[in-house]
C-alpha atoms as a PDB file:
ATOM      1  CA  UNK A   1      -5.579  28.869  -1.154  1.00  0.00           C
ATOM      2  CA  UNK A   2      -4.226  28.578   2.387  1.00  0.00           C
ATOM      3  CA  UNK A   3      -2.017  25.660   3.183  1.00  0.00           C
ATOM      4  CA  UNK A   4      -1.513  24.829   6.921  1.00  0.00           C
ATOM      5  CA  UNK A   5       1.784  23.334   7.974  1.00  0.00           C
ATOM      6  CA  UNK A   6       1.847  20.782  10.781  1.00  0.00           C
ATOM      7  CA  UNK A   7       5.204  19.535  12.073  1.00  0.00           C
ATOM      8  CA  UNK A   8       7.134  18.610  15.179  1.00  0.00           C
ATOM      9  CA  UNK A   9      10.142  20.882  15.743  1.00  0.00           C
ATOM     10  CA  UNK A  10      13.016  19.050  17.485  1.00  0.00           C
ATOM     11  CA  UNK A  11      14.151  22.188  19.134  1.00  0.00           C
ATOM     12  CA  UNK A  12      10.794  22.770  20.862  1.00  0.00           C
ATOM     13  CA  UNK A  13      10.789  19.218  22.361  1.00  0.00           C
ATOM     14  CA  UNK A  14      14.389  19.513  23.490  1.00  0.00           C
ATOM     15  CA  UNK A  15      13.521  22.669  25.386  1.00  0.00           C
ATOM     16  CA  UNK A  16      10.737  20.726  27.131  1.00  0.00           C
ATOM     17  CA  UNK A  17      13.316  18.296  28.408  1.00  0.00           C
ATOM     18  CA  UNK A  18      12.972  15.365  25.959  1.00  0.00           C
ATOM     19  CA  UNK A  19      16.183  13.620  24.936  1.00  0.00           C
ATOM     20  CA  UNK A  20      18.120  13.594  21.671  1.00  0.00           C
ATOM     21  CA  UNK A  21      16.956  10.017  21.029  1.00  0.00           C
ATOM     22  CA  UNK A  22      13.311  10.754  21.878  1.00  0.00           C
ATOM     23  CA  UNK A  23      13.284  13.621  19.438  1.00  0.00           C
ATOM     24  CA  UNK A  24      15.340  11.979  16.627  1.00  0.00           C
ATOM     25  CA  UNK A  25      12.475  11.749  14.205  1.00  0.00           C
ATOM     26  CA  UNK A  26      11.424  15.429  14.614  1.00  0.00           C
ATOM     27  CA  UNK A  27      12.301  18.188  12.136  1.00  0.00           C
ATOM     28  CA  UNK A  28      14.727  20.991  12.064  1.00  0.00           C
ATOM     29  CA  UNK A  29      13.621  24.620  11.547  1.00  0.00           C
ATOM     30  CA  UNK A  30      15.393  24.450   8.130  1.00  0.00           C
ATOM     31  CA  UNK A  31      13.049  21.697   6.948  1.00  0.00           C
ATOM     32  CA  UNK A  32       9.926  23.629   7.772  1.00  0.00           C
ATOM     33  CA  UNK A  33      11.515  26.722   6.153  1.00  0.00           C
ATOM     34  CA  UNK A  34      12.253  24.777   2.948  1.00  0.00           C
ATOM     35  CA  UNK A  35       8.713  23.389   2.702  1.00  0.00           C
ATOM     36  CA  UNK A  36       7.161  26.772   3.448  1.00  0.00           C
ATOM     37  CA  UNK A  37       9.303  28.499   0.894  1.00  0.00           C
ATOM     38  CA  UNK A  38       8.590  25.923  -1.744  1.00  0.00           C
ATOM     39  CA  UNK A  39       4.823  26.192  -1.210  1.00  0.00           C
ATOM     40  CA  UNK A  40       5.012  29.920  -1.516  1.00  0.00           C
ATOM     41  CA  UNK A  41       7.053  29.578  -4.680  1.00  0.00           C
ATOM     42  CA  UNK A  42       4.098  27.466  -5.967  1.00  0.00           C
ATOM     43  CA  UNK A  43       1.785  30.374  -5.255  1.00  0.00           C
ATOM     44  CA  UNK A  44       0.169  29.002  -2.105  1.00  0.00           C
ATOM     45  CA  UNK A  45      -0.431  31.036   1.041  1.00  0.00           C
ATOM     46  CA  UNK A  46       1.003  29.245   4.054  1.00  0.00           C
ATOM     47  CA  UNK A  47       0.144  29.224   7.789  1.00  0.00           C
ATOM     48  CA  UNK A  48       2.515  27.494  10.141  1.00  0.00           C
ATOM     49  CA  UNK A  49       0.449  25.552  12.700  1.00  0.00           C
ATOM     50  CA  UNK A  50       2.985  23.372  14.531  1.00  0.00           C
ATOM     51  CA  UNK A  51       2.437  20.117  16.404  1.00  0.00           C
ATOM     52  CA  UNK A  52      -0.815  18.338  17.230  1.00  0.00           C
ATOM     53  CA  UNK A  53      -1.544  20.164  20.526  1.00  0.00           C
ATOM     54  CA  UNK A  54      -0.997  23.553  18.736  1.00  0.00           C
ATOM     55  CA  UNK A  55      -3.333  22.433  15.952  1.00  0.00           C
ATOM     56  CA  UNK A  56      -5.989  21.496  18.549  1.00  0.00           C
ATOM     57  CA  UNK A  57      -5.815  25.007  19.936  1.00  0.00           C
ATOM     58  CA  UNK A  58      -6.120  26.521  16.512  1.00  0.00           C
ATOM     59  CA  UNK A  59      -9.068  24.356  15.604  1.00  0.00           C
ATOM     60  CA  UNK A  60     -10.783  25.273  18.878  1.00  0.00           C
ATOM     61  CA  UNK A  61     -10.386  28.934  17.959  1.00  0.00           C
ATOM     62  CA  UNK A  62     -12.183  28.270  14.723  1.00  0.00           C
ATOM     63  CA  UNK A  63      -9.173  28.348  12.372  1.00  0.00           C
ATOM     64  CA  UNK A  64      -9.457  26.309   9.194  1.00  0.00           C
ATOM     65  CA  UNK A  65      -7.267  25.643   6.099  1.00  0.00           C
ATOM     66  CA  UNK A  66      -7.959  24.587   2.549  1.00  0.00           C
ATOM     67  CA  UNK A  67      -5.459  21.740   2.911  1.00  0.00           C
ATOM     68  CA  UNK A  68      -2.776  20.845   5.435  1.00  0.00           C
ATOM     69  CA  UNK A  69       0.813  19.847   4.610  1.00  0.00           C
ATOM     70  CA  UNK A  70       1.352  17.363   7.377  1.00  0.00           C
ATOM     71  CA  UNK A  71       4.750  15.999   8.559  1.00  0.00           C
ATOM     72  CA  UNK A  72       3.917  15.450  12.226  1.00  0.00           C
ATOM     73  CA  UNK A  73       5.428  12.310  13.729  1.00  0.00           C
ATOM     74  CA  UNK A  74       3.814  12.658  17.230  1.00  0.00           C
ATOM     75  CA  UNK A  75       5.273  11.652  20.582  1.00  0.00           C
ATOM     76  CA  UNK A  76       3.039   9.138  22.249  1.00  0.00           C
ATOM     77  CA  UNK A  77       1.333   5.831  21.327  1.00  0.00           C
ATOM     78  CA  UNK A  78       1.231   3.477  18.376  1.00  0.00           C
ATOM     79  CA  UNK A  79      -1.148   5.932  16.640  1.00  0.00           C
ATOM     80  CA  UNK A  80       1.172   8.950  17.120  1.00  0.00           C
ATOM     81  CA  UNK A  81       1.624   9.541  13.394  1.00  0.00           C
ATOM     82  CA  UNK A  82      -2.081   9.272  12.832  1.00  0.00           C
ATOM     83  CA  UNK A  83      -3.209  11.828  15.353  1.00  0.00           C
ATOM     84  CA  UNK A  84      -3.047  14.892  13.095  1.00  0.00           C
ATOM     85  CA  UNK A  85      -4.745  13.133  10.132  1.00  0.00           C
ATOM     86  CA  UNK A  86      -7.497  11.771  12.347  1.00  0.00           C
ATOM     87  CA  UNK A  87      -8.295  15.212  13.752  1.00  0.00           C
ATOM     88  CA  UNK A  88      -8.258  16.678  10.239  1.00  0.00           C
ATOM     89  CA  UNK A  89     -10.642  14.004   9.058  1.00  0.00           C
ATOM     90  CA  UNK A  90     -12.997  14.905  11.948  1.00  0.00           C
ATOM     91  CA  UNK A  91     -13.054  18.446  10.684  1.00  0.00           C
ATOM     92  CA  UNK A  92     -13.215  17.474   6.994  1.00  0.00           C
ATOM     93  CA  UNK A  93      -9.972  19.230   6.209  1.00  0.00           C
ATOM     94  CA  UNK A  94      -7.871  17.602   3.448  1.00  0.00           C
ATOM     95  CA  UNK A  95      -4.202  16.855   4.001  1.00  0.00           C
ATOM     96  CA  UNK A  96      -1.074  15.490   2.384  1.00  0.00           C
ATOM     97  CA  UNK A  97       0.285  11.949   2.777  1.00  0.00           C
ATOM     98  CA  UNK A  98      -1.413   8.852   4.231  1.00  0.00           C
ATOM     99  CA  UNK A  99      -4.567   8.469   6.323  1.00  0.00           C
ATOM    100  CA  UNK A 100      -4.815   7.438   9.980  1.00  0.00           C
ATOM    101  CA  UNK A 101      -5.220   3.724   9.202  1.00  0.00           C
ATOM    102  CA  UNK A 102      -2.095   3.569   7.060  1.00  0.00           C
ATOM    103  CA  UNK A 103      -0.001   5.600   9.455  1.00  0.00           C
ATOM    104  CA  UNK A 104      -1.027   3.517  12.464  1.00  0.00           C
ATOM    105  CA  UNK A 105      -0.387   0.279  10.530  1.00  0.00           C
ATOM    106  CA  UNK A 106       2.901   1.167   9.107  1.00  0.00           C
ATOM    107  CA  UNK A 107       4.328   2.490  12.399  1.00  0.00           C
ATOM    108  CA  UNK A 108       3.847  -1.122  13.754  1.00  0.00           C
ATOM    109  CA  UNK A 109       6.514  -3.024  11.873  1.00  0.00           C
ATOM    110  CA  UNK A 110       5.126  -6.436  12.814  1.00  0.00           C
ATOM    111  CA  UNK A 111       1.541  -5.692  11.662  1.00  0.00           C
ATOM    112  CA  UNK A 112       2.894  -4.173   8.446  1.00  0.00           C
ATOM    113  CA  UNK A 113       4.932  -7.278   7.691  1.00  0.00           C
ATOM    114  CA  UNK A 114       1.921  -9.510   8.286  1.00  0.00           C
ATOM    115  CA  UNK A 115      -0.023  -7.548   5.630  1.00  0.00           C
ATOM    116  CA  UNK A 116       2.940  -7.563   3.279  1.00  0.00           C
ATOM    117  CA  UNK A 117       3.525 -11.304   3.752  1.00  0.00           C
ATOM    118  CA  UNK A 118      -0.179 -11.983   3.189  1.00  0.00           C
ATOM    119  CA  UNK A 119       0.073 -10.131  -0.157  1.00  0.00           C
ATOM    120  CA  UNK A 120       2.891 -12.431  -1.227  1.00  0.00           C
ATOM    121  CA  UNK A 121       5.580  -9.655  -1.060  1.00  0.00           C
ATOM    122  CA  UNK A 122       8.944 -11.042   0.167  1.00  0.00           C
ATOM    123  CA  UNK A 123       9.937  -9.972   3.686  1.00  0.00           C
ATOM    124  CA  UNK A 124      12.111 -11.724   6.304  1.00  0.00           C
ATOM    125  CA  UNK A 125      10.568 -14.058   8.917  1.00  0.00           C
ATOM    126  CA  UNK A 126      10.074 -12.328  12.255  1.00  0.00           C
ATOM    127  CA  UNK A 127       8.932 -12.527  15.873  1.00  0.00           C
ATOM    128  CA  UNK A 128       7.634  -9.854  18.213  1.00  0.00           C
ATOM    129  CA  UNK A 129       9.153  -9.461  21.679  1.00  0.00           C
ATOM    130  CA  UNK A 130       6.846  -7.247  23.893  1.00  0.00           C
ATOM    131  CA  UNK A 131       8.079  -8.530  27.296  1.00  0.00           C
ATOM    132  CA  UNK A 132      10.839 -10.792  28.621  1.00  0.00           C
ATOM    133  CA  UNK A 133       9.002 -14.131  28.283  1.00  0.00           C
ATOM    134  CA  UNK A 134       8.665 -13.594  24.544  1.00  0.00           C
ATOM    135  CA  UNK A 135      12.383 -13.790  24.156  1.00  0.00           C
ATOM    136  CA  UNK A 136      12.258 -17.514  24.873  1.00  0.00           C
ATOM    137  CA  UNK A 137       9.607 -17.994  22.198  1.00  0.00           C
ATOM    138  CA  UNK A 138      11.715 -16.721  19.352  1.00  0.00           C
ATOM    139  CA  UNK A 139      12.224 -19.705  17.030  1.00  0.00           C
ATOM    140  CA  UNK A 140      14.170 -18.435  14.118  1.00  0.00           C
ATOM    141  CA  UNK A 141      17.577 -19.388  12.732  1.00  0.00           C
ATOM    142  CA  UNK A 142      20.605 -17.185  13.578  1.00  0.00           C
ATOM    143  CA  UNK A 143      21.814 -14.599  12.737  1.00  0.00           C
ATOM    144  CA  UNK A 144      18.889 -12.350  13.705  1.00  0.00           C
ATOM    145  CA  UNK A 145      18.433  -8.610  13.809  1.00  0.00           C
ATOM    146  CA  UNK A 146      16.655  -6.819  16.667  1.00  0.00           C
ATOM    147  CA  UNK A 147      15.091  -3.323  16.573  1.00  0.00           C
ATOM    148  CA  UNK A 148      12.238  -1.356  18.134  1.00  0.00           C
ATOM    149  CA  UNK A 149       8.885  -2.292  16.627  1.00  0.00           C
ATOM    150  CA  UNK A 150       7.496   1.178  16.238  1.00  0.00           C
ATOM    151  CA  UNK A 151      10.357   3.699  15.739  1.00  0.00           C
ATOM    152  CA  UNK A 152      12.206   5.303  12.884  1.00  0.00           C
ATOM    153  CA  UNK A 153      15.500   7.182  12.155  1.00  0.00           C
ATOM    154  CA  UNK A 154      17.443   4.100  13.292  1.00  0.00           C
ATOM    155  CA  UNK A 155      16.438   4.592  16.930  1.00  0.00           C
ATOM    156  CA  UNK A 156      17.459   1.616  19.101  1.00  0.00           C
ATOM    157  CA  UNK A 157      19.731   0.199  16.327  1.00  0.00           C
ATOM    158  CA  UNK A 158      23.498  -0.167  16.644  1.00  0.00           C
ATOM    159  CA  UNK A 159      26.276  -2.595  15.966  1.00  0.00           C
ATOM    160  CA  UNK A 160      24.863  -4.963  18.600  1.00  0.00           C
ATOM    161  CA  UNK A 161      21.538  -5.292  16.814  1.00  0.00           C
ATOM    162  CA  UNK A 162      22.774  -8.244  14.813  1.00  0.00           C
ATOM    163  CA  UNK A 163      22.803 -11.223  17.216  1.00  0.00           C
ATOM    164  CA  UNK A 164      24.305 -14.660  16.578  1.00  0.00           C
ATOM    165  CA  UNK A 165      23.308 -16.540  19.777  1.00  0.00           C
ATOM    166  CA  UNK A 166      20.475 -16.661  22.203  1.00  0.00           C
ATOM    167  CA  UNK A 167      22.667 -15.055  24.860  1.00  0.00           C
ATOM    168  CA  UNK A 168      23.208 -12.056  22.580  1.00  0.00           C
ATOM    169  CA  UNK A 169      19.502 -11.928  21.665  1.00  0.00           C
ATOM    170  CA  UNK A 170      18.494 -11.948  25.334  1.00  0.00           C
ATOM    171  CA  UNK A 171      21.045  -9.277  26.178  1.00  0.00           C
ATOM    172  CA  UNK A 172      19.942  -6.852  23.435  1.00  0.00           C
ATOM    173  CA  UNK A 173      16.235  -7.406  24.090  1.00  0.00           C
ATOM    174  CA  UNK A 174      16.572  -6.830  27.870  1.00  0.00           C
ATOM    175  CA  UNK A 175      18.527  -3.635  27.127  1.00  0.00           C
ATOM    176  CA  UNK A 176      15.929  -2.284  24.642  1.00  0.00           C
ATOM    177  CA  UNK A 177      12.615  -3.309  26.243  1.00  0.00           C
ATOM    178  CA  UNK A 178      12.702  -0.695  29.000  1.00  0.00           C
ATOM    179  CA  UNK A 179      13.411   2.042  26.455  1.00  0.00           C
ATOM    180  CA  UNK A 180      10.685   1.201  23.934  1.00  0.00           C
ATOM    181  CA  UNK A 181       7.156   0.617  25.209  1.00  0.00           C
ATOM    182  CA  UNK A 182       5.989  -0.594  21.786  1.00  0.00           C
ATOM    183  CA  UNK A 183       8.242  -3.651  22.061  1.00  0.00           C
ATOM    184  CA  UNK A 184      10.746  -5.090  19.579  1.00  0.00           C
ATOM    185  CA  UNK A 185      10.817  -6.952  16.293  1.00  0.00           C
ATOM    186  CA  UNK A 186      13.355  -9.787  15.764  1.00  0.00           C
ATOM    187  CA  UNK A 187      13.956 -10.622  12.121  1.00  0.00           C
ATOM    188  CA  UNK A 188      16.015 -13.015  10.065  1.00  0.00           C
ATOM    189  CA  UNK A 189      19.133 -11.043   9.265  1.00  0.00           C
ATOM    190  CA  UNK A 190      19.461 -10.021   5.581  1.00  0.00           C
ATOM    191  CA  UNK A 191      23.163 -10.006   4.658  1.00  0.00           C
ATOM    192  CA  UNK A 192      22.910  -8.357   1.203  1.00  0.00           C
ATOM    193  CA  UNK A 193      22.981  -4.896  -0.262  1.00  0.00           C
ATOM    194  CA  UNK A 194      20.658  -2.216   1.122  1.00  0.00           C
ATOM    195  CA  UNK A 195      18.563   0.208  -0.909  1.00  0.00           C
ATOM    196  CA  UNK A 196      15.842   2.746  -0.439  1.00  0.00           C
ATOM    197  CA  UNK A 197      13.273   3.524  -3.118  1.00  0.00           C
ATOM    198  CA  UNK A 198      11.719   7.020  -3.499  1.00  0.00           C
ATOM    199  CA  UNK A 199       8.122   6.873  -4.503  1.00  0.00           C
ATOM    200  CA  UNK A 200       5.671   9.619  -5.606  1.00  0.00           C
ATOM    201  CA  UNK A 201       2.019   9.241  -6.228  1.00  0.00           C
ATOM    202  CA  UNK A 202      -0.967   7.173  -4.957  1.00  0.00           C
ATOM    203  CA  UNK A 203      -2.339   3.812  -6.086  1.00  0.00           C
ATOM    204  CA  UNK A 204      -1.953   3.106  -9.805  1.00  0.00           C
ATOM    205  CA  UNK A 205      -0.271   6.499 -10.331  1.00  0.00           C
ATOM    206  CA  UNK A 206       2.488   5.721  -7.841  1.00  0.00           C
ATOM    207  CA  UNK A 207       5.972   5.600  -9.495  1.00  0.00           C
ATOM    208  CA  UNK A 208       9.581   5.256  -8.523  1.00  0.00           C
ATOM    209  CA  UNK A 209      11.648   8.453  -8.487  1.00  0.00           C
ATOM    210  CA  UNK A 210      14.858   6.519  -8.096  1.00  0.00           C
ATOM    211  CA  UNK A 211      16.621   3.770  -6.184  1.00  0.00           C
ATOM    212  CA  UNK A 212      19.561   4.710  -3.859  1.00  0.00           C
ATOM    213  CA  UNK A 213      22.029   2.198  -2.432  1.00  0.00           C
ATOM    214  CA  UNK A 214      23.156   2.796   1.207  1.00  0.00           C
ATOM    215  CA  UNK A 215      26.790   1.723   1.636  1.00  0.00           C
ATOM    216  CA  UNK A 216      28.402   1.867   5.070  1.00  0.00           C
ATOM    217  CA  UNK A 217      31.949   3.172   5.296  1.00  0.00           C
ATOM    218  CA  UNK A 218      34.567   1.509   7.417  1.00  0.00           C
ATOM    219  CA  UNK A 219      34.039   4.164  10.077  1.00  0.00           C
ATOM    220  CA  UNK A 220      30.317   3.366  10.427  1.00  0.00           C
ATOM    221  CA  UNK A 221      28.569   1.133  12.979  1.00  0.00           C
ATOM    222  CA  UNK A 222      28.467  -2.339  11.552  1.00  0.00           C
ATOM    223  CA  UNK A 223      25.573  -4.215   9.964  1.00  0.00           C
ATOM    224  CA  UNK A 224      22.838  -1.530   9.849  1.00  0.00           C
ATOM    225  CA  UNK A 225      21.768   1.952   8.834  1.00  0.00           C
ATOM    226  CA  UNK A 226      21.679   2.821  12.500  1.00  0.00           C
ATOM    227  CA  UNK A 227      20.793   5.942  14.482  1.00  0.00           C
ATOM    228  CA  UNK A 228      24.403   7.018  14.709  1.00  0.00           C
ATOM    229  CA  UNK A 229      25.095   6.282  11.027  1.00  0.00           C
ATOM    230  CA  UNK A 230      22.032   8.400  10.086  1.00  0.00           C
ATOM    231  CA  UNK A 231      22.921  11.255  12.464  1.00  0.00           C
ATOM    232  CA  UNK A 232      26.441  11.396  11.059  1.00  0.00           C
ATOM    233  CA  UNK A 233      25.788  10.202   7.537  1.00  0.00           C
ATOM    234  CA  UNK A 234      28.406  12.452   5.915  1.00  0.00           C
ATOM    235  CA  UNK A 235      31.135  10.614   7.806  1.00  0.00           C
ATOM    236  CA  UNK A 236      29.672   7.112   7.817  1.00  0.00           C
ATOM    237  CA  UNK A 237      27.607   6.535   4.696  1.00  0.00           C
ATOM    238  CA  UNK A 238      28.049   6.550   0.954  1.00  0.00           C
ATOM    239  CA  UNK A 239      24.881   7.157  -1.046  1.00  0.00           C
ATOM    240  CA  UNK A 240      24.755   6.286  -4.726  1.00  0.00           C
ATOM    241  CA  UNK A 241      22.001   5.703  -7.297  1.00  0.00           C
ATOM    242  CA  UNK A 242      21.490   2.063  -8.217  1.00  0.00           C
ATOM    243  CA  UNK A 243      21.874   1.556 -11.925  1.00  0.00           C
ATOM    244  CA  UNK A 244      22.147  -2.187 -12.153  1.00  0.00           C
ATOM    245  CA  UNK A 245      19.553  -4.908 -12.307  1.00  0.00           C
ATOM    246  CA  UNK A 246      19.030  -4.701  -8.597  1.00  0.00           C
ATOM    247  CA  UNK A 247      17.290  -1.336  -9.031  1.00  0.00           C
ATOM    248  CA  UNK A 248      14.450  -2.774 -11.113  1.00  0.00           C
ATOM    249  CA  UNK A 249      13.914  -5.592  -8.481  1.00  0.00           C
ATOM    250  CA  UNK A 250      13.868  -3.007  -5.706  1.00  0.00           C
ATOM    251  CA  UNK A 251      11.356  -0.875  -7.617  1.00  0.00           C
ATOM    252  CA  UNK A 252       9.026  -3.829  -8.199  1.00  0.00           C
ATOM    253  CA  UNK A 253       8.991  -4.828  -4.488  1.00  0.00           C
ATOM    254  CA  UNK A 254       8.673  -1.289  -3.274  1.00  0.00           C
ATOM    255  CA  UNK A 255       5.793  -0.350  -5.575  1.00  0.00           C
ATOM    256  CA  UNK A 256       3.995  -3.562  -4.705  1.00  0.00           C
ATOM    257  CA  UNK A 257       4.305  -2.769  -0.966  1.00  0.00           C
ATOM    258  CA  UNK A 258       3.319   0.928  -1.464  1.00  0.00           C
ATOM    259  CA  UNK A 259       0.153  -0.005  -3.337  1.00  0.00           C
ATOM    260  CA  UNK A 260      -0.670  -2.905  -1.041  1.00  0.00           C
ATOM    261  CA  UNK A 261      -0.564  -0.624   2.030  1.00  0.00           C
ATOM    262  CA  UNK A 262      -2.445   2.263   0.281  1.00  0.00           C
ATOM    263  CA  UNK A 263       0.284   4.767   0.999  1.00  0.00           C
ATOM    264  CA  UNK A 264      -0.229   8.159  -0.605  1.00  0.00           C
ATOM    265  CA  UNK A 265       1.582  11.116  -2.242  1.00  0.00           C
ATOM    266  CA  UNK A 266       5.233  10.362  -1.541  1.00  0.00           C
ATOM    267  CA  UNK A 267       7.595   8.382   0.685  1.00  0.00           C
ATOM    268  CA  UNK A 268      10.173   5.684   0.732  1.00  0.00           C
ATOM    269  CA  UNK A 269      10.367   1.881   0.902  1.00  0.00           C
ATOM    270  CA  UNK A 270      13.545   0.227   2.311  1.00  0.00           C
ATOM    271  CA  UNK A 271      14.781  -2.925   0.619  1.00  0.00           C
ATOM    272  CA  UNK A 272      17.606  -5.333   1.485  1.00  0.00           C
ATOM    273  CA  UNK A 273      18.775  -8.443  -0.330  1.00  0.00           C
ATOM    274  CA  UNK A 274      18.721 -11.845   1.320  1.00  0.00           C
ATOM    275  CA  UNK A 275      21.359 -14.588   1.267  1.00  0.00           C
ATOM    276  CA  UNK A 276      19.961 -15.935  -2.087  1.00  0.00           C
ATOM    277  CA  UNK A 277      20.252 -12.507  -3.723  1.00  0.00           C
ATOM    278  CA  UNK A 278      16.565 -11.654  -3.711  1.00  0.00           C
ATOM    279  CA  UNK A 279      15.082  -8.250  -2.847  1.00  0.00           C
ATOM    280  CA  UNK A 280      13.143  -8.266   0.406  1.00  0.00           C
ATOM    281  CA  UNK A 281      10.881  -5.669   1.928  1.00  0.00           C
ATOM    282  CA  UNK A 282      12.156  -4.185   5.204  1.00  0.00           C
ATOM    283  CA  UNK A 283      10.139  -1.126   6.064  1.00  0.00           C
ATOM    284  CA  UNK A 284       7.977   1.598   4.468  1.00  0.00           C
ATOM    285  CA  UNK A 285       8.170   5.292   5.456  1.00  0.00           C
ATOM    286  CA  UNK A 286       4.936   7.046   4.398  1.00  0.00           C
ATOM    287  CA  UNK A 287       6.080  10.244   6.252  1.00  0.00           C
ATOM    288  CA  UNK A 288       9.600  10.394   4.903  1.00  0.00           C
ATOM    289  CA  UNK A 289      11.996  13.152   5.942  1.00  0.00           C
ATOM    290  CA  UNK A 290      11.918  16.247   3.714  1.00  0.00           C
ATOM    291  CA  UNK A 291      15.088  18.121   4.676  1.00  0.00           C
ATOM    292  CA  UNK A 292      16.351  19.266   1.202  1.00  0.00           C
ATOM    293  CA  UNK A 293      19.944  18.157   1.774  1.00  0.00           C
ATOM    294  CA  UNK A 294      19.987  15.468   4.490  1.00  0.00           C
ATOM    295  CA  UNK A 295      16.794  13.404   4.002  1.00  0.00           C
ATOM    296  CA  UNK A 296      16.918  10.327   1.818  1.00  0.00           C
ATOM    297  CA  UNK A 297      13.813  11.230  -0.346  1.00  0.00           C
ATOM    298  CA  UNK A 298      15.206  14.639  -1.437  1.00  0.00           C
ATOM    299  CA  UNK A 299      18.704  13.201  -1.762  1.00  0.00           C
ATOM    300  CA  UNK A 300      17.421  10.699  -4.336  1.00  0.00           C
ATOM    301  CA  UNK A 301      15.573  13.492  -6.149  1.00  0.00           C
ATOM    302  CA  UNK A 302      18.829  15.587  -6.168  1.00  0.00           C
ATOM    303  CA  UNK A 303      20.681  12.650  -7.728  1.00  0.00           C
ATOM    304  CA  UNK A 304      17.957  12.447 -10.398  1.00  0.00           C
ATOM    305  CA  UNK A 305      17.996  16.174 -11.160  1.00  0.00           C
ATOM    306  CA  UNK A 306      14.499  16.677  -9.613  1.00  0.00           C
ATOM    307  CA  UNK A 307      14.475  20.050  -7.852  1.00  0.00           C
ATOM    308  CA  UNK A 308      13.116  20.288  -4.320  1.00  0.00           C
ATOM    309  CA  UNK A 309      10.251  22.469  -5.489  1.00  0.00           C
ATOM    310  CA  UNK A 310       9.283  19.853  -8.036  1.00  0.00           C
ATOM    311  CA  UNK A 311       9.101  17.225  -5.273  1.00  0.00           C
ATOM    312  CA  UNK A 312       6.840  19.493  -3.190  1.00  0.00           C
ATOM    313  CA  UNK A 313       4.668  20.098  -6.362  1.00  0.00           C
ATOM    314  CA  UNK A 314       4.337  16.304  -6.891  1.00  0.00           C
ATOM    315  CA  UNK A 315       3.167  15.816  -3.276  1.00  0.00           C
ATOM    316  CA  UNK A 316       0.652  18.704  -3.579  1.00  0.00           C
ATOM    317  CA  UNK A 317      -0.580  17.576  -6.895  1.00  0.00           C
ATOM    318  CA  UNK A 318      -1.267  14.064  -5.645  1.00  0.00           C
ATOM    319  CA  UNK A 319      -3.048  15.328  -2.472  1.00  0.00           C
ATOM    320  CA  UNK A 320      -5.068  17.950  -4.401  1.00  0.00           C
ATOM    321  CA  UNK A 321      -6.622  15.158  -6.510  1.00  0.00           C
ATOM    322  CA  UNK A 322      -8.301  13.879  -3.336  1.00  0.00           C
ATOM    323  CA  UNK A 323      -9.511  17.347  -2.439  1.00  0.00           C
ATOM    324  CA  UNK A 324     -11.069  17.793  -5.924  1.00  0.00           C
ATOM    325  CA  UNK A 325     -12.643  14.352  -5.661  1.00  0.00           C
ATOM    326  CA  UNK A 326     -14.491  15.403  -2.498  1.00  0.00           C
END
């Protein structure tokens, strides 16, 4: 069985002139190497395809694969994560992780939270700011938290993201709007503990692989798991498994969100506690990072004694069930 690998290499985009921030979500060569090696250890034959444009060329030449292991984030548009799955659907080629609808929805934080809220899953109140006049329409009690509406890896988030006054809100929004075409989301600030839940499986078979608390050191940027804190996590962040009652509450919220959104195979859900001590949905990552040592999902698996190859096997087993069903 031939497994195609689709991915965005950060080094390739940097060579094309894109910035460090623009490429923050893309993968290192070592991540692709680790996935490739694990798949081969599982007795699959692998074929490295690359990013969406490279895949288009391969498809036009007539190349096909039994299934594609897809971790492409894409560069442009609100549907950037959905581009590879949509093309694979058009050619009836199975793939890992979520479908185009889910990946387009979950990249848009505001739309995701509307669905989550409608399902009765707790999430902080929010407002969208897509242009300057929207700043004046924000009607939420301070403090608030401001971040890009359709980015990951902490992009656009720093110690100024928590705002306590309208003046601060306006200043942060005017600074970020020119940088992020998808606009901003402004949320009620959650002051409590922060966790991320690793999930494997799809639908009723989805299960938690562990809950990890994210604790910022004194050296870290304040208030958030920001871009800088993630880039330099060894110096700025303490990771530890959650073993108290908070873990169960996080798992309940995370699995409810995962199933509500129809996410597949594996990923993460970020949870933070509000001022009343209740777990609240922040974000879902249905294309979670897979670097064996530096990405949150494998870190949780490492804490739990789950080898990297076992995580890749779980992902493939879940995706293969859809292939067999076809």
